[in-house]
Amino acid sequence: MRTPADKTIGLSFISHPAKSAKLRWSARLVFPPDTGPDGTLELLVNDGENEPVASGTMELAGMLVRIRGGKGSLAYADFVRGKHEKGIWLHRKGAIPIPGRLAFG
């Protein structure tokens, strides 16, 4: 399976509500044009104030993706392999892990 040759595709995820905007998060998993099983996907993660998450670990598709400066990456094949895993969490040092979900719209 490959993405369209002329389109970038993205999946968006948002955190469950948290009292502090700094603890909330949003993430976008980017599938570049013409990406297949050997490709790499970029994961962009911002906090609830729309600032890049400085560091943390995103649990997504059964993988633990390291986030630095609001960015991480994972192999397309790993995402496909774990696509049915339901857990989506952002873990940050010194903070409670915040769960999230796929967002539509």
Protein backbone atom coordinates (compact mmCIF):
# COMPACT_ATOMS: atom_id res chain seq x y z
CA MET A 1 0.00 0.00 0.00
CA ARG A 2 1.32 3.47 -0.95
CA THR A 3 0.02 6.97 -0.43
CA PRO A 4 -1.03 8.96 -3.53
CA ALA A 5 1.90 10.27 -5.55
CA ASP A 6 0.54 13.83 -5.55
CA LYS A 7 -0.88 14.24 -2.01
CA THR A 8 0.34 14.57 1.55
CA ILE A 9 -1.99 12.79 3.96
CA GLY A 10 -2.22 13.53 7.66
CA LEU A 11 -3.91 11.96 10.65
CA SER A 12 -4.73 14.23 13.58
CA PHE A 13 -4.87 13.24 17.23
CA ILE A 14 -5.92 15.29 20.28
CA SER A 15 -5.56 14.77 23.99
CA HIS A 16 -8.37 14.20 26.41
CA PRO A 17 -9.15 17.39 28.37
CA ALA A 18 -6.64 18.49 31.01
CA LYS A 19 -6.89 21.48 33.35
CA SER A 20 -3.61 22.97 32.18
CA ALA A 21 -3.24 23.98 28.53
CA LYS A 22 0.44 22.99 28.77
CA LEU A 23 -0.61 19.39 29.51
CA ARG A 24 -3.04 19.18 26.58
CA TRP A 25 -1.61 18.18 23.24
CA SER A 26 -2.38 17.76 19.56
CA ALA A 27 -0.43 15.66 17.10
CA ARG A 28 -0.32 15.20 13.34
CA LEU A 29 1.11 12.11 11.67
CA VAL A 30 2.26 13.08 8.17
CA PHE A 31 2.34 10.62 5.25
CA PRO A 32 4.39 12.25 2.46
CA PRO A 33 3.40 11.75 -1.19
CA ASP A 34 4.21 8.32 -2.63
CA THR A 35 5.16 6.79 0.73
CA GLY A 36 5.18 3.02 1.01
CA PRO A 37 6.19 0.37 3.52
CA ASP A 38 9.85 1.43 3.44
CA GLY A 39 9.02 5.10 4.16
CA THR A 40 9.24 7.22 7.28
CA LEU A 41 6.37 9.23 8.77
CA GLU A 42 6.85 12.48 10.66
CA LEU A 43 4.94 13.07 13.90
CA LEU A 44 4.42 16.71 14.91
CA VAL A 45 3.31 17.34 18.51
CA ASN A 46 2.21 20.64 20.06
CA ASP A 47 0.93 21.43 23.53
CA GLY A 48 -2.44 23.08 24.24
CA GLU A 49 -0.85 26.51 23.78
CA ASN A 50 0.19 25.49 20.24
CA GLU A 51 3.88 25.34 21.18
CA PRO A 52 6.03 22.36 20.12
CA VAL A 53 6.40 19.79 22.90
CA ALA A 54 10.05 20.10 23.94
CA SER A 55 10.52 16.45 24.83
CA GLY A 56 8.49 13.38 25.60
CA THR A 57 7.37 10.03 24.28
CA MET A 58 4.24 9.47 22.21
CA GLU A 59 2.63 6.06 22.48
CA LEU A 60 1.00 5.44 19.10
CA ALA A 61 0.27 2.31 17.03
CA GLY A 62 1.90 0.14 19.67
CA MET A 63 5.15 2.11 19.35
CA LEU A 64 6.94 4.51 21.67
CA VAL A 65 7.98 7.49 19.55
CA ARG A 66 10.56 9.86 21.00
CA ILE A 67 9.57 13.53 20.65
CA ARG A 68 12.20 16.30 20.59
CA GLY A 69 11.44 19.88 19.63
CA GLY A 70 7.86 18.92 18.73
CA LYS A 71 8.94 16.25 16.24
CA GLY A 72 9.33 12.50 16.07
CA SER A 73 9.26 9.85 13.38
CA LEU A 74 8.28 6.24 12.86
CA ALA A 75 8.48 3.76 10.06
CA TYR A 76 5.41 3.47 7.84
CA ALA A 77 5.55 -0.34 8.20
CA ASP A 78 5.53 -0.04 12.01
CA PHE A 79 2.48 2.22 11.88
CA VAL A 80 0.61 -0.20 9.62
CA ARG A 81 1.58 -3.14 11.85
CA GLY A 82 0.24 -1.39 14.97
CA LYS A 83 -2.73 0.47 13.46
CA HIS A 84 -5.25 -1.50 15.53
CA GLU A 85 -3.58 -0.67 18.85
CA LYS A 86 -5.91 1.64 20.74
CA GLY A 87 -3.57 3.32 23.21
CA ILE A 88 -2.55 6.89 22.35
CA TRP A 89 -0.65 8.70 25.10
CA LEU A 90 1.85 11.49 25.52
CA HIS A 91 4.37 10.89 28.30
CA ARG A 92 6.45 13.84 29.56
CA LYS A 93 8.99 13.87 32.36
CA GLY A 94 7.53 15.26 35.56
CA ALA A 95 3.93 15.17 34.28
CA ILE A 96 1.17 12.60 34.32
CA PRO A 97 0.71 10.79 30.99
CA ILE A 98 -2.19 12.30 29.01
CA PRO A 99 -4.26 9.99 26.79
CA GLY A 100 -5.70 11.03 23.45
CA ARG A 101 -7.68 9.89 20.44
CA LEU A 102 -7.95 10.16 16.68
CA ALA A 103 -9.63 13.45 15.73
CA PHE A 104 -11.98 14.01 12.83
CA GLY A 105 -12.80 17.31 11.22
